[in-house]
Amino acid sequence: MLKRRKLGTVYTLSPFQKLMKWCIGVTSKIIFTIVIWILWFGVYYVLLGIINFLGANLANLWSEEIPTMDFFRSIMGQVFYVIGMIFIVIYVFFDKLFRRK
């Protein structure tokens, strides 16, 4: 059985403990990313609905309201949605790189 080495008042972690800590960190980041993606879908859909309403009723850019899902399914709608998802992944997984000490 492996014994932990004592360095003064600090204990070193075994390789399995380091692996377990890393796995827990990555798993929590994946779950957090999925939750934020779901929230991002809701926020993005609401924003598209607002744009649709303003474009049809206030700015008169088009004659009648187009279903919001048609905006979402368009090429530009999908591009902005995927860009938002990529930014979320970068924020969650690389947060330590941008954090100040």
PDB file of N, CA and C in Angstrom:
ATOM      1  N   MET A   1       0.844  -1.177   0.000  1.00  0.00           N
ATOM      2  CA  MET A   1       0.000   0.000   0.000  1.00  0.00           C
ATOM      3  C   MET A   1       0.887   1.237   0.000  1.00  0.00           C
ATOM      4  N   LEU A   2       0.518   2.198  -0.829  1.00  0.00           N
ATOM      5  CA  LEU A   2       1.280   3.433  -0.921  1.00  0.00           C
ATOM      6  C   LEU A   2       1.003   4.314   0.287  1.00  0.00           C
ATOM      7  N   LYS A   3       2.047   4.919   0.773  1.00  0.00           N
ATOM      8  CA  LYS A   3       1.898   5.868   1.872  1.00  0.00           C
ATOM      9  C   LYS A   3       2.116   7.271   1.330  1.00  0.00           C
ATOM     10  N   ARG A   4       1.372   8.190   1.891  1.00  0.00           N
ATOM     11  CA  ARG A   4       1.568   9.574   1.495  1.00  0.00           C
ATOM     12  C   ARG A   4       2.795  10.114   2.203  1.00  0.00           C
ATOM     13  N   ARG A   5       3.550  10.891   1.443  1.00  0.00           N
ATOM     14  CA  ARG A   5       4.739  11.494   2.035  1.00  0.00           C
ATOM     15  C   ARG A   5       4.363  12.807   2.709  1.00  0.00           C
ATOM     16  N   LYS A   6       4.996  13.076   3.798  1.00  0.00           N
ATOM     17  CA  LYS A   6       4.713  14.305   4.533  1.00  0.00           C
ATOM     18  C   LYS A   6       5.853  15.287   4.296  1.00  0.00           C
ATOM     19  N   LEU A   7       5.484  16.472   3.827  1.00  0.00           N
ATOM     20  CA  LEU A   7       6.462  17.534   3.620  1.00  0.00           C
ATOM     21  C   LEU A   7       6.096  18.681   4.553  1.00  0.00           C
ATOM     22  N   GLY A   8       6.594  18.632   5.740  1.00  0.00           N
ATOM     23  CA  GLY A   8       6.228  19.645   6.720  1.00  0.00           C
ATOM     24  C   GLY A   8       4.783  19.457   7.125  1.00  0.00           C
ATOM     25  N   THR A   9       3.972  20.495   6.940  1.00  0.00           N
ATOM     26  CA  THR A   9       2.560  20.388   7.294  1.00  0.00           C
ATOM     27  C   THR A   9       1.690  20.097   6.070  1.00  0.00           C
ATOM     28  N   VAL A  10       2.311  19.940   4.889  1.00  0.00           N
ATOM     29  CA  VAL A  10       1.568  19.727   3.654  1.00  0.00           C
ATOM     30  C   VAL A  10       1.693  18.269   3.234  1.00  0.00           C
ATOM     31  N   TYR A  11       0.565  17.671   2.855  1.00  0.00           N
ATOM     32  CA  TYR A  11       0.571  16.303   2.351  1.00  0.00           C
ATOM     33  C   TYR A  11       0.515  16.341   0.826  1.00  0.00           C
ATOM     34  N   THR A  12       1.266  15.442   0.194  1.00  0.00           N
ATOM     35  CA  THR A  12       1.203  15.352  -1.262  1.00  0.00           C
ATOM     36  C   THR A  12       0.083  14.398  -1.656  1.00  0.00           C
ATOM     37  N   LEU A  13      -0.496  14.624  -2.807  1.00  0.00           N
ATOM     38  CA  LEU A  13      -1.567  13.772  -3.290  1.00  0.00           C
ATOM     39  C   LEU A  13      -0.996  12.617  -4.099  1.00  0.00           C
ATOM     40  N   SER A  14      -1.641  11.479  -3.996  1.00  0.00           N
ATOM     41  CA  SER A  14      -1.238  10.334  -4.807  1.00  0.00           C
ATOM     42  C   SER A  14      -1.690  10.568  -6.247  1.00  0.00           C
ATOM     43  N   PRO A  15      -1.116   9.837  -7.210  1.00  0.00           N
ATOM     44  CA  PRO A  15      -1.539  10.014  -8.606  1.00  0.00           C
ATOM     45  C   PRO A  15      -3.035   9.756  -8.813  1.00  0.00           C
ATOM     46  N   PHE A  16      -3.602   8.784  -8.109  1.00  0.00           N
ATOM     47  CA  PHE A  16      -5.030   8.517  -8.244  1.00  0.00           C
ATOM     48  C   PHE A  16      -5.860   9.688  -7.727  1.00  0.00           C
ATOM     49  N   GLN A  17      -5.439  10.295  -6.634  1.00  0.00           N
ATOM     50  CA  GLN A  17      -6.164  11.444  -6.101  1.00  0.00           C
ATOM     51  C   GLN A  17      -6.094  12.631  -7.063  1.00  0.00           C
ATOM     52  N   LYS A  18      -4.942  12.804  -7.700  1.00  0.00           N
ATOM     53  CA  LYS A  18      -4.820  13.878  -8.692  1.00  0.00           C
ATOM     54  C   LYS A  18      -5.732  13.612  -9.883  1.00  0.00           C
ATOM     55  N   LEU A  19      -5.778  12.345 -10.344  1.00  0.00           N
ATOM     56  CA  LEU A  19      -6.647  11.978 -11.459  1.00  0.00           C
ATOM     57  C   LEU A  19      -8.114  12.169 -11.093  1.00  0.00           C
ATOM     58  N   MET A  20      -8.479  11.766  -9.880  1.00  0.00           N
ATOM     59  CA  MET A  20      -9.858  11.905  -9.433  1.00  0.00           C
ATOM     60  C   MET A  20     -10.256  13.390  -9.359  1.00  0.00           C
ATOM     61  N   LYS A  21      -9.369  14.217  -8.853  1.00  0.00           N
ATOM     62  CA  LYS A  21      -9.638  15.651  -8.766  1.00  0.00           C
ATOM     63  C   LYS A  21      -9.797  16.251 -10.168  1.00  0.00           C
ATOM     64  N   TRP A  22      -8.965  15.824 -11.120  1.00  0.00           N
ATOM     65  CA  TRP A  22      -9.054  16.310 -12.491  1.00  0.00           C
ATOM     66  C   TRP A  22     -10.364  15.865 -13.139  1.00  0.00           C
ATOM     67  N   CYS A  23     -10.747  14.590 -12.940  1.00  0.00           N
ATOM     68  CA  CYS A  23     -11.993  14.067 -13.528  1.00  0.00           C
ATOM     69  C   CYS A  23     -13.219  14.796 -12.977  1.00  0.00           C
ATOM     70  N   ILE A  24     -13.220  15.070 -11.691  1.00  0.00           N
ATOM     71  CA  ILE A  24     -14.340  15.802 -11.091  1.00  0.00           C
ATOM     72  C   ILE A  24     -14.412  17.213 -11.670  1.00  0.00           C
ATOM     73  N   GLY A  25     -13.266  17.850 -11.847  1.00  0.00           N
ATOM     74  CA  GLY A  25     -13.240  19.196 -12.417  1.00  0.00           C
ATOM     75  C   GLY A  25     -13.760  19.234 -13.844  1.00  0.00           C
ATOM     76  N   VAL A  26     -13.325  18.289 -14.665  1.00  0.00           N
ATOM     77  CA  VAL A  26     -13.761  18.253 -16.066  1.00  0.00           C
ATOM     78  C   VAL A  26     -15.244  17.905 -16.157  1.00  0.00           C
ATOM     79  N   THR A  27     -15.703  16.942 -15.345  1.00  0.00           N
ATOM     80  CA  THR A  27     -17.117  16.561 -15.366  1.00  0.00           C
ATOM     81  C   THR A  27     -18.006  17.734 -14.961  1.00  0.00           C
ATOM     82  N   SER A  28     -17.601  18.459 -13.938  1.00  0.00           N
ATOM     83  CA  SER A  28     -18.414  19.604 -13.517  1.00  0.00           C
ATOM     84  C   SER A  28     -18.422  20.694 -14.585  1.00  0.00           C
ATOM     85  N   LYS A  29     -17.302  20.881 -15.292  1.00  0.00           N
ATOM     86  CA  LYS A  29     -17.271  21.873 -16.367  1.00  0.00           C
ATOM     87  C   LYS A  29     -18.183  21.466 -17.519  1.00  0.00           C
ATOM     88  N   ILE A  30     -18.226  20.169 -17.838  1.00  0.00           N
ATOM     89  CA  ILE A  30     -19.100  19.690 -18.915  1.00  0.00           C
ATOM     90  C   ILE A  30     -20.565  19.906 -18.544  1.00  0.00           C
ATOM     91  N   ILE A  31     -20.931  19.556 -17.318  1.00  0.00           N
ATOM     92  CA  ILE A  31     -22.320  19.740 -16.870  1.00  0.00           C
ATOM     93  C   ILE A  31     -22.686  21.224 -16.862  1.00  0.00           C
ATOM     94  N   PHE A  32     -21.786  22.058 -16.367  1.00  0.00           N
ATOM     95  CA  PHE A  32     -22.021  23.498 -16.326  1.00  0.00           C
ATOM     96  C   PHE A  32     -22.175  24.061 -17.740  1.00  0.00           C
ATOM     97  N   THR A  33     -21.362  23.572 -18.679  1.00  0.00           N
ATOM     98  CA  THR A  33     -21.459  24.019 -20.068  1.00  0.00           C
ATOM     99  C   THR A  33     -22.811  23.664 -20.669  1.00  0.00           C
ATOM    100  N   ILE A  34     -23.296  22.451 -20.423  1.00  0.00           N
ATOM    101  CA  ILE A  34     -24.595  22.030 -20.956  1.00  0.00           C
ATOM    102  C   ILE A  34     -25.723  22.890 -20.387  1.00  0.00           C
ATOM    103  N   VAL A  35     -25.654  23.184 -19.088  1.00  0.00           N
ATOM    104  CA  VAL A  35     -26.685  24.027 -18.468  1.00  0.00           C
ATOM    105  C   VAL A  35     -26.666  25.430 -19.080  1.00  0.00           C
ATOM    106  N   ILE A  36     -25.483  25.988 -19.278  1.00  0.00           N
ATOM    107  CA  ILE A  36     -25.389  27.327 -19.860  1.00  0.00           C
ATOM    108  C   ILE A  36     -25.850  27.314 -21.316  1.00  0.00           C
ATOM    109  N   TRP A  37     -25.577  26.223 -22.061  1.00  0.00           N
ATOM    110  CA  TRP A  37     -26.069  26.122 -23.441  1.00  0.00           C
ATOM    111  C   TRP A  37     -27.595  26.170 -23.483  1.00  0.00           C
ATOM    112  N   ILE A  38     -28.241  25.490 -22.535  1.00  0.00           N
ATOM    113  CA  ILE A  38     -29.708  25.503 -22.486  1.00  0.00           C
ATOM    114  C   ILE A  38     -30.212  26.922 -22.197  1.00  0.00           C
ATOM    115  N   LEU A  39     -29.565  27.600 -21.255  1.00  0.00           N
ATOM    116  CA  LEU A  39     -29.939  28.987 -20.961  1.00  0.00           C
ATOM    117  C   LEU A  39     -29.675  29.896 -22.162  1.00  0.00           C
ATOM    118  N   TRP A  40     -28.572  29.667 -22.860  1.00  0.00           N
ATOM    119  CA  TRP A  40     -28.234  30.458 -24.042  1.00  0.00           C
ATOM    120  C   TRP A  40     -29.301  30.284 -25.126  1.00  0.00           C
ATOM    121  N   PHE A  41     -29.806  29.060 -25.300  1.00  0.00           N
ATOM    122  CA  PHE A  41     -30.867  28.839 -26.283  1.00  0.00           C
ATOM    123  C   PHE A  41     -32.095  29.681 -25.940  1.00  0.00           C
ATOM    124  N   GLY A  42     -32.478  29.702 -24.670  1.00  0.00           N
ATOM    125  CA  GLY A  42     -33.638  30.489 -24.256  1.00  0.00           C
ATOM    126  C   GLY A  42     -33.435  31.974 -24.470  1.00  0.00           C
ATOM    127  N   VAL A  43     -32.284  32.478 -24.072  1.00  0.00           N
ATOM    128  CA  VAL A  43     -31.990  33.908 -24.230  1.00  0.00           C
ATOM    129  C   VAL A  43     -31.939  34.277 -25.712  1.00  0.00           C
ATOM    130  N   TYR A  44     -31.304  33.440 -26.504  1.00  0.00           N
ATOM    131  CA  TYR A  44     -31.178  33.718 -27.942  1.00  0.00           C
ATOM    132  C   TYR A  44     -32.541  33.700 -28.630  1.00  0.00           C
ATOM    133  N   TYR A  45     -33.382  32.759 -28.251  1.00  0.00           N
ATOM    134  CA  TYR A  45     -34.718  32.667 -28.849  1.00  0.00           C
ATOM    135  C   TYR A  45     -35.559  33.897 -28.496  1.00  0.00           C
ATOM    136  N   VAL A  46     -35.447  34.356 -27.254  1.00  0.00           N
ATOM    137  CA  VAL A  46     -36.170  35.568 -26.842  1.00  0.00           C
ATOM    138  C   VAL A  46     -35.649  36.784 -27.610  1.00  0.00           C
ATOM    139  N   LEU A  47     -34.330  36.886 -27.769  1.00  0.00           N
ATOM    140  CA  LEU A  47     -33.765  38.003 -28.533  1.00  0.00           C
ATOM    141  C   LEU A  47     -34.237  37.983 -29.986  1.00  0.00           C
ATOM    142  N   LEU A  48     -34.301  36.798 -30.581  1.00  0.00           N
ATOM    143  CA  LEU A  48     -34.815  36.703 -31.950  1.00  0.00           C
ATOM    144  C   LEU A  48     -36.282  37.123 -32.019  1.00  0.00           C
ATOM    145  N   GLY A  49     -37.050  36.778 -30.998  1.00  0.00           N
ATOM    146  CA  GLY A  49     -38.448  37.204 -30.956  1.00  0.00           C
ATOM    147  C   GLY A  49     -38.581  38.710 -30.858  1.00  0.00           C
ATOM    148  N   ILE A  50     -37.710  39.336 -30.065  1.00  0.00           N
ATOM    149  CA  ILE A  50     -37.727  40.797 -29.944  1.00  0.00           C
ATOM    150  C   ILE A  50     -37.338  41.442 -31.270  1.00  0.00           C
ATOM    151  N   ILE A  51     -36.299  40.906 -31.919  1.00  0.00           N
ATOM    152  CA  ILE A  51     -35.886  41.438 -33.220  1.00  0.00           C
ATOM    153  C   ILE A  51     -37.007  41.288 -34.237  1.00  0.00           C
ATOM    154  N   ASN A  52     -37.671  40.158 -34.214  1.00  0.00           N
ATOM    155  CA  ASN A  52     -38.785  39.923 -35.135  1.00  0.00           C
ATOM    156  C   ASN A  52     -39.909  40.934 -34.894  1.00  0.00           C
ATOM    157  N   PHE A  53     -40.251  41.151 -33.641  1.00  0.00           N
ATOM    158  CA  PHE A  53     -41.318  42.098 -33.310  1.00  0.00           C
ATOM    159  C   PHE A  53     -40.953  43.519 -33.731  1.00  0.00           C
ATOM    160  N   LEU A  54     -39.736  43.941 -33.383  1.00  0.00           N
ATOM    161  CA  LEU A  54     -39.319  45.302 -33.729  1.00  0.00           C
ATOM    162  C   LEU A  54     -39.206  45.489 -35.236  1.00  0.00           C
ATOM    163  N   GLY A  55     -38.711  44.482 -35.934  1.00  0.00           N
ATOM    164  CA  GLY A  55     -38.563  44.595 -37.384  1.00  0.00           C
ATOM    165  C   GLY A  55     -39.890  44.662 -38.105  1.00  0.00           C
ATOM    166  N   ALA A  56     -40.886  43.952 -37.595  1.00  0.00           N
ATOM    167  CA  ALA A  56     -42.188  43.937 -38.268  1.00  0.00           C
ATOM    168  C   ALA A  56     -43.060  45.119 -37.862  1.00  0.00           C
ATOM    169  N   ASN A  57     -43.034  45.505 -36.596  1.00  0.00           N
ATOM    170  CA  ASN A  57     -43.984  46.502 -36.108  1.00  0.00           C
ATOM    171  C   ASN A  57     -43.422  47.917 -36.017  1.00  0.00           C
ATOM    172  N   LEU A  58     -42.161  48.062 -35.632  1.00  0.00           N
ATOM    173  CA  LEU A  58     -41.618  49.405 -35.461  1.00  0.00           C
ATOM    174  C   LEU A  58     -40.844  49.889 -36.683  1.00  0.00           C
ATOM    175  N   ALA A  59     -39.947  49.068 -37.179  1.00  0.00           N
ATOM    176  CA  ALA A  59     -39.080  49.508 -38.275  1.00  0.00           C
ATOM    177  C   ALA A  59     -39.680  49.237 -39.647  1.00  0.00           C
ATOM    178  N   ASN A  60     -40.703  48.415 -39.709  1.00  0.00           N
ATOM    179  CA  ASN A  60     -41.339  48.037 -40.982  1.00  0.00           C
ATOM    180  C   ASN A  60     -40.331  47.497 -41.998  1.00  0.00           C
ATOM    181  N   LEU A  61     -39.403  46.660 -41.520  1.00  0.00           N
ATOM    182  CA  LEU A  61     -38.427  46.050 -42.421  1.00  0.00           C
ATOM    183  C   LEU A  61     -39.050  44.944 -43.259  1.00  0.00           C
ATOM    184  N   TRP A  62     -40.080  44.303 -42.734  1.00  0.00           N
ATOM    185  CA  TRP A  62     -40.843  43.308 -43.485  1.00  0.00           C
ATOM    186  C   TRP A  62     -42.312  43.507 -43.167  1.00  0.00           C
ATOM    187  N   SER A  63     -43.165  43.057 -44.064  1.00  0.00           N
ATOM    188  CA  SER A  63     -44.582  43.419 -43.988  1.00  0.00           C
ATOM    189  C   SER A  63     -45.331  42.725 -42.854  1.00  0.00           C
ATOM    190  N   GLU A  64     -45.007  41.493 -42.552  1.00  0.00           N
ATOM    191  CA  GLU A  64     -45.715  40.782 -41.484  1.00  0.00           C
ATOM    192  C   GLU A  64     -44.701  40.026 -40.632  1.00  0.00           C
ATOM    193  N   GLU A  65     -45.131  39.652 -39.441  1.00  0.00           N
ATOM    194  CA  GLU A  65     -44.224  38.929 -38.550  1.00  0.00           C
ATOM    195  C   GLU A  65     -43.917  37.551 -39.114  1.00  0.00           C
ATOM    196  N   ILE A  66     -42.645  37.232 -39.117  1.00  0.00           N
ATOM    197  CA  ILE A  66     -42.171  35.919 -39.552  1.00  0.00           C
ATOM    198  C   ILE A  66     -42.053  35.066 -38.295  1.00  0.00           C
ATOM    199  N   PRO A  67     -42.380  33.782 -38.345  1.00  0.00           N
ATOM    200  CA  PRO A  67     -42.205  32.951 -37.144  1.00  0.00           C
ATOM    201  C   PRO A  67     -40.754  32.997 -36.645  1.00  0.00           C
ATOM    202  N   THR A  68     -40.608  33.094 -35.336  1.00  0.00           N
ATOM    203  CA  THR A  68     -39.281  33.223 -34.742  1.00  0.00           C
ATOM    204  C   THR A  68     -38.409  32.020 -35.069  1.00  0.00           C
ATOM    205  N   MET A  69     -39.005  30.849 -35.171  1.00  0.00           N
ATOM    206  CA  MET A  69     -38.224  29.658 -35.477  1.00  0.00           C
ATOM    207  C   MET A  69     -37.618  29.734 -36.879  1.00  0.00           C
ATOM    208  N   ASP A  70     -38.262  30.455 -37.795  1.00  0.00           N
ATOM    209  CA  ASP A  70     -37.668  30.640 -39.127  1.00  0.00           C
ATOM    210  C   ASP A  70     -36.402  31.486 -39.045  1.00  0.00           C
ATOM    211  N   PHE A  71     -36.408  32.492 -38.157  1.00  0.00           N
ATOM    212  CA  PHE A  71     -35.185  33.258 -37.922  1.00  0.00           C
ATOM    213  C   PHE A  71     -34.091  32.352 -37.366  1.00  0.00           C
ATOM    214  N   PHE A  72     -34.469  31.513 -36.415  1.00  0.00           N
ATOM    215  CA  PHE A  72     -33.487  30.636 -35.784  1.00  0.00           C
ATOM    216  C   PHE A  72     -32.909  29.644 -36.788  1.00  0.00           C
ATOM    217  N   ARG A  73     -33.731  29.131 -37.691  1.00  0.00           N
ATOM    218  CA  ARG A  73     -33.276  28.130 -38.664  1.00  0.00           C
ATOM    219  C   ARG A  73     -32.511  28.733 -39.837  1.00  0.00           C
ATOM    220  N   SER A  74     -32.496  30.037 -39.952  1.00  0.00           N
ATOM    221  CA  SER A  74     -31.770  30.662 -41.058  1.00  0.00           C
ATOM    222  C   SER A  74     -30.266  30.486 -40.860  1.00  0.00           C
ATOM    223  N   ILE A  75     -29.517  30.719 -41.921  1.00  0.00           N
ATOM    224  CA  ILE A  75     -28.062  30.545 -41.875  1.00  0.00           C
ATOM    225  C   ILE A  75     -27.439  31.473 -40.831  1.00  0.00           C
ATOM    226  N   MET A  76     -27.794  32.749 -40.867  1.00  0.00           N
ATOM    227  CA  MET A  76     -27.207  33.698 -39.914  1.00  0.00           C
ATOM    228  C   MET A  76     -27.639  33.394 -38.485  1.00  0.00           C
ATOM    229  N   GLY A  77     -28.873  32.952 -38.309  1.00  0.00           N
ATOM    230  CA  GLY A  77     -29.329  32.582 -36.973  1.00  0.00           C
ATOM    231  C   GLY A  77     -28.513  31.441 -36.398  1.00  0.00           C
ATOM    232  N   GLN A  78     -28.240  30.437 -37.213  1.00  0.00           N
ATOM    233  CA  GLN A  78     -27.438  29.301 -36.763  1.00  0.00           C
ATOM    234  C   GLN A  78     -25.990  29.707 -36.498  1.00  0.00           C
ATOM    235  N   VAL A  79     -25.449  30.587 -37.344  1.00  0.00           N
ATOM    236  CA  VAL A  79     -24.060  31.026 -37.164  1.00  0.00           C
ATOM    237  C   VAL A  79     -23.898  31.741 -35.827  1.00  0.00           C
ATOM    238  N   PHE A  80     -24.789  32.676 -35.527  1.00  0.00           N
ATOM    239  CA  PHE A  80     -24.683  33.398 -34.258  1.00  0.00           C
ATOM    240  C   PHE A  80     -24.912  32.478 -33.064  1.00  0.00           C
ATOM    241  N   TYR A  81     -25.799  31.513 -33.208  1.00  0.00           N
ATOM    242  CA  TYR A  81     -26.052  30.563 -32.123  1.00  0.00           C
ATOM    243  C   TYR A  81     -24.811  29.716 -31.844  1.00  0.00           C
ATOM    244  N   VAL A  82     -24.169  29.216 -32.884  1.00  0.00           N
ATOM    245  CA  VAL A  82     -22.971  28.386 -32.708  1.00  0.00           C
ATOM    246  C   VAL A  82     -21.811  29.222 -32.176  1.00  0.00           C
ATOM    247  N   ILE A  83     -21.667  30.452 -32.636  1.00  0.00           N
ATOM    248  CA  ILE A  83     -20.611  31.329 -32.106  1.00  0.00           C
ATOM    249  C   ILE A  83     -20.815  31.550 -30.612  1.00  0.00           C
ATOM    250  N   GLY A  84     -22.046  31.751 -30.191  1.00  0.00           N
ATOM    251  CA  GLY A  84     -22.331  31.890 -28.764  1.00  0.00           C
ATOM    252  C   GLY A  84     -21.971  30.639 -27.985  1.00  0.00           C
ATOM    253  N   MET A  85     -22.262  29.468 -28.553  1.00  0.00           N
ATOM    254  CA  MET A  85     -21.920  28.213 -27.882  1.00  0.00           C
ATOM    255  C   MET A  85     -20.404  28.051 -27.761  1.00  0.00           C
ATOM    256  N   ILE A  86     -19.666  28.439 -28.791  1.00  0.00           N
ATOM    257  CA  ILE A  86     -18.201  28.343 -28.743  1.00  0.00           C
ATOM    258  C   ILE A  86     -17.645  29.277 -27.675  1.00  0.00           C
ATOM    259  N   PHE A  87     -18.170  30.496 -27.587  1.00  0.00           N
ATOM    260  CA  PHE A  87     -17.719  31.425 -26.546  1.00  0.00           C
ATOM    261  C   PHE A  87     -18.006  30.878 -25.149  1.00  0.00           C
ATOM    262  N   ILE A  88     -19.122  30.193 -24.984  1.00  0.00           N
ATOM    263  CA  ILE A  88     -19.444  29.598 -23.686  1.00  0.00           C
ATOM    264  C   ILE A  88     -18.432  28.525 -23.324  1.00  0.00           C
ATOM    265  N   VAL A  89     -18.076  27.666 -24.277  1.00  0.00           N
ATOM    266  CA  VAL A  89     -17.084  26.614 -24.013  1.00  0.00           C
ATOM    267  C   VAL A  89     -15.740  27.230 -23.659  1.00  0.00           C
ATOM    268  N   ILE A  90     -15.330  28.253 -24.395  1.00  0.00           N
ATOM    269  CA  ILE A  90     -14.061  28.918 -24.095  1.00  0.00           C
ATOM    270  C   ILE A  90     -14.102  29.536 -22.707  1.00  0.00           C
ATOM    271  N   TYR A  91     -15.205  30.171 -22.357  1.00  0.00           N
ATOM    272  CA  TYR A  91     -15.315  30.797 -21.039  1.00  0.00           C
ATOM    273  C   TYR A  91     -15.250  29.767 -19.920  1.00  0.00           C
ATOM    274  N   VAL A  92     -15.961  28.655 -20.065  1.00  0.00           N
ATOM    275  CA  VAL A  92     -16.018  27.666 -18.989  1.00  0.00           C
ATOM    276  C   VAL A  92     -14.699  26.915 -18.853  1.00  0.00           C
ATOM    277  N   PHE A  93     -14.123  26.461 -19.960  1.00  0.00           N
ATOM    278  CA  PHE A  93     -12.945  25.609 -19.869  1.00  0.00           C
ATOM    279  C   PHE A  93     -11.641  26.378 -19.726  1.00  0.00           C
ATOM    280  N   PHE A  94     -11.585  27.609 -20.205  1.00  0.00           N
ATOM    281  CA  PHE A  94     -10.345  28.367 -20.139  1.00  0.00           C
ATOM    282  C   PHE A  94     -10.460  29.576 -19.226  1.00  0.00           C
ATOM    283  N   ASP A  95     -11.328  29.508 -18.234  1.00  0.00           N
ATOM    284  CA  ASP A  95     -11.561  30.626 -17.328  1.00  0.00           C
ATOM    285  C   ASP A  95     -10.306  30.977 -16.538  1.00  0.00           C
ATOM    286  N   LYS A  96      -9.524  29.984 -16.155  1.00  0.00           N
ATOM    287  CA  LYS A  96      -8.330  30.249 -15.349  1.00  0.00           C
ATOM    288  C   LYS A  96      -7.281  31.037 -16.122  1.00  0.00           C
ATOM    289  N   LEU A  97      -7.264  30.923 -17.449  1.00  0.00           N
ATOM    290  CA  LEU A  97      -6.286  31.661 -18.243  1.00  0.00           C
ATOM    291  C   LEU A  97      -6.540  33.156 -18.207  1.00  0.00           C
ATOM    292  N   PHE A  98      -7.808  33.550 -18.084  1.00  0.00           N
ATOM    293  CA  PHE A  98      -8.167  34.961 -18.144  1.00  0.00           C
ATOM    294  C   PHE A  98      -8.374  35.587 -16.768  1.00  0.00           C
ATOM    295  N   ARG A  99      -8.324  34.800 -15.731  1.00  0.00           N
ATOM    296  CA  ARG A  99      -8.577  35.307 -14.384  1.00  0.00           C
ATOM    297  C   ARG A  99      -7.334  36.016 -13.850  1.00  0.00           C
ATOM    298  N   ARG A 100      -7.549  37.151 -13.238  1.00  0.00           N
ATOM    299  CA  ARG A 100      -6.427  37.884 -12.636  1.00  0.00           C
ATOM    300  C   ARG A 100      -6.170  37.366 -11.238  1.00  0.00           C
ATOM    301  N   LYS A 101      -4.923  37.471 -10.840  1.00  0.00           N
ATOM    302  CA  LYS A 101      -4.555  37.006  -9.495  1.00  0.00           C
ATOM    303  C   LYS A 101      -4.660  38.120  -8.499  1.00  0.00           C
TER     304      LYS A 101
END
